[in-house]
Amino acid sequence: QVQLVESGGRLVQAGDSLRLSCAASGLTFRSYTMGWFRQAPGKERELVAVITSAGDSTNYTDSVKGRFTISRDNAKNAVSLQLNSLKPEDTAVYYCHAVGRVPGLRFWGQGTQVTVSS
């Protein structure tokens, strides 16, 4: 049974930093591209950051470039998202996402709430 468990979300002030973590189990973690999505109230879920299975390439949505950093530790089956210079518009539920090499093979975590007050 595949599980992706996020942690680290909480209430912070604008300008603060936060680190989200996602612990994966039940899958060959090193074979999966990992990503972080977020969904704000009344908005669609959007891709925030993605990292390749080997961790050798990353990509970010424009609104977080230079502020967020995605990383992974394949030895620990974990992926993290460092959030710096947080803004109120970063407030959302953040989801961990795994995409396998087989088409359609993907998994979601349950989400962790990040709230940024102004």
Protein backbone atom coordinates (compact mmCIF):
# COMPACT_ATOMS: atom_id res chain seq x y z
CA GLN A 1 0.00 0.00 0.00
CA VAL A 2 1.47 3.30 -1.11
CA GLN A 3 1.49 6.12 1.42
CA LEU A 4 2.66 9.68 1.09
CA VAL A 5 2.55 11.51 4.40
CA GLU A 6 3.16 15.25 4.48
CA SER A 7 4.15 17.24 7.53
CA GLY A 8 5.41 20.68 8.47
CA GLY A 9 2.50 22.93 7.57
CA ARG A 10 1.46 25.56 10.09
CA LEU A 11 0.53 29.20 10.58
CA VAL A 12 3.39 31.62 9.91
CA GLN A 13 3.83 35.32 9.24
CA ALA A 14 4.72 36.90 5.92
CA GLY A 15 8.45 36.72 5.35
CA ASP A 16 8.90 33.59 7.44
CA SER A 17 10.31 30.29 6.28
CA LEU A 18 8.89 26.79 6.50
CA ARG A 19 9.99 23.33 5.52
CA LEU A 20 7.51 20.72 4.34
CA SER A 21 8.37 17.06 4.32
CA CYS A 22 6.82 14.06 2.62
CA ALA A 23 7.59 10.51 3.75
CA ALA A 24 6.90 7.84 1.16
CA SER A 25 6.34 4.15 1.70
CA GLY A 26 5.08 1.19 -0.30
CA LEU A 27 6.73 2.22 -3.56
CA THR A 28 10.16 2.13 -5.20
CA PHE A 29 10.75 5.76 -4.34
CA ARG A 30 13.85 6.26 -6.48
CA SER A 31 11.82 5.41 -9.57
CA TYR A 32 9.28 8.19 -9.08
CA THR A 33 9.27 11.80 -10.11
CA MET A 34 8.10 13.74 -7.08
CA GLY A 35 6.23 16.99 -6.89
CA TRP A 36 4.50 19.41 -4.61
CA PHE A 37 1.12 20.85 -5.52
CA ARG A 38 -1.00 23.35 -3.64
CA GLN A 39 -4.64 24.29 -3.58
CA ALA A 40 -5.97 27.52 -2.16
CA PRO A 41 -9.64 27.95 -1.23
CA GLY A 42 -11.76 28.42 -4.34
CA LYS A 43 -8.85 27.76 -6.66
CA GLU A 44 -7.64 24.83 -8.71
CA ARG A 45 -4.80 22.67 -7.55
CA GLU A 46 -1.52 23.88 -9.08
CA LEU A 47 1.92 22.37 -9.49
CA VAL A 48 4.46 24.20 -7.33
CA ALA A 49 7.66 22.24 -7.82
CA VAL A 50 8.85 18.98 -9.29
CA ILE A 51 12.05 16.95 -9.02
CA THR A 52 13.20 14.06 -11.18
CA SER A 53 13.67 10.57 -9.81
CA ALA A 54 17.45 11.00 -9.57
CA GLY A 55 17.13 14.49 -8.16
CA ASP A 56 19.19 15.95 -10.97
CA SER A 57 16.60 18.35 -12.30
CA THR A 58 13.95 20.58 -10.74
CA ASN A 59 11.28 22.91 -11.99
CA TYR A 60 9.10 25.53 -10.32
CA THR A 61 6.05 27.55 -11.05
CA ASP A 62 6.98 31.17 -11.71
CA SER A 63 5.39 32.55 -8.55
CA VAL A 64 7.75 30.58 -6.27
CA LYS A 65 10.99 30.67 -8.23
CA GLY A 66 13.82 31.93 -6.07
CA ARG A 67 11.81 31.40 -2.88
CA PHE A 68 11.02 27.67 -2.77
CA THR A 69 13.42 24.75 -3.11
CA ILE A 70 12.47 21.12 -3.66
CA SER A 71 14.86 18.35 -2.69
CA ARG A 72 14.79 14.60 -2.15
CA ASP A 73 16.67 11.91 -0.28
CA ASN A 74 16.24 8.59 -2.04
CA ALA A 75 17.96 6.76 0.81
CA LYS A 76 15.25 7.99 3.19
CA ASN A 77 12.30 7.84 0.76
CA ALA A 78 11.61 11.49 1.42
CA VAL A 79 11.02 14.70 -0.49
CA SER A 80 11.03 18.18 1.01
CA LEU A 81 9.98 21.66 0.05
CA GLN A 82 11.75 24.63 1.61
CA LEU A 83 9.56 27.71 1.56
CA ASN A 84 11.28 31.05 2.12
CA SER A 85 10.01 34.62 2.05
CA LEU A 86 6.47 33.41 2.42
CA LYS A 87 3.60 35.59 1.23
CA PRO A 88 -0.08 35.52 2.14
CA GLU A 89 -0.82 34.26 -1.37
CA ASP A 90 1.18 31.12 -0.57
CA THR A 91 -1.60 30.10 1.80
CA ALA A 92 -2.93 26.73 0.64
CA VAL A 93 -3.04 23.04 1.33
CA TYR A 94 0.20 21.56 0.02
CA TYR A 95 0.13 18.05 -1.43
CA CYS A 96 2.93 15.61 -2.11
CA HIS A 97 2.64 13.82 -5.46
CA ALA A 98 4.43 10.82 -6.95
CA VAL A 99 4.48 9.92 -10.64
CA GLY A 100 5.75 6.55 -11.76
CA ARG A 101 7.25 5.51 -15.08
CA VAL A 102 4.15 3.55 -16.00
CA PRO A 103 1.50 5.84 -17.56
CA GLY A 104 -1.24 6.62 -15.07
CA LEU A 105 0.73 5.49 -12.05
CA ARG A 106 0.48 8.36 -9.60
CA PHE A 107 -0.23 8.89 -5.92
CA TRP A 108 -1.23 11.77 -3.66
CA GLY A 109 -0.66 12.58 -0.03
CA GLN A 110 -3.40 13.85 2.24
CA GLY A 111 -2.07 17.41 2.32
CA THR A 112 -0.70 19.79 4.91
CA GLN A 113 -2.06 23.28 5.56
CA VAL A 114 0.19 26.30 5.20
CA THR A 115 -1.28 29.62 6.31
CA VAL A 116 0.64 32.85 5.90
CA SER A 117 -0.66 35.88 7.77
CA SER A 118 0.10 39.42 6.63
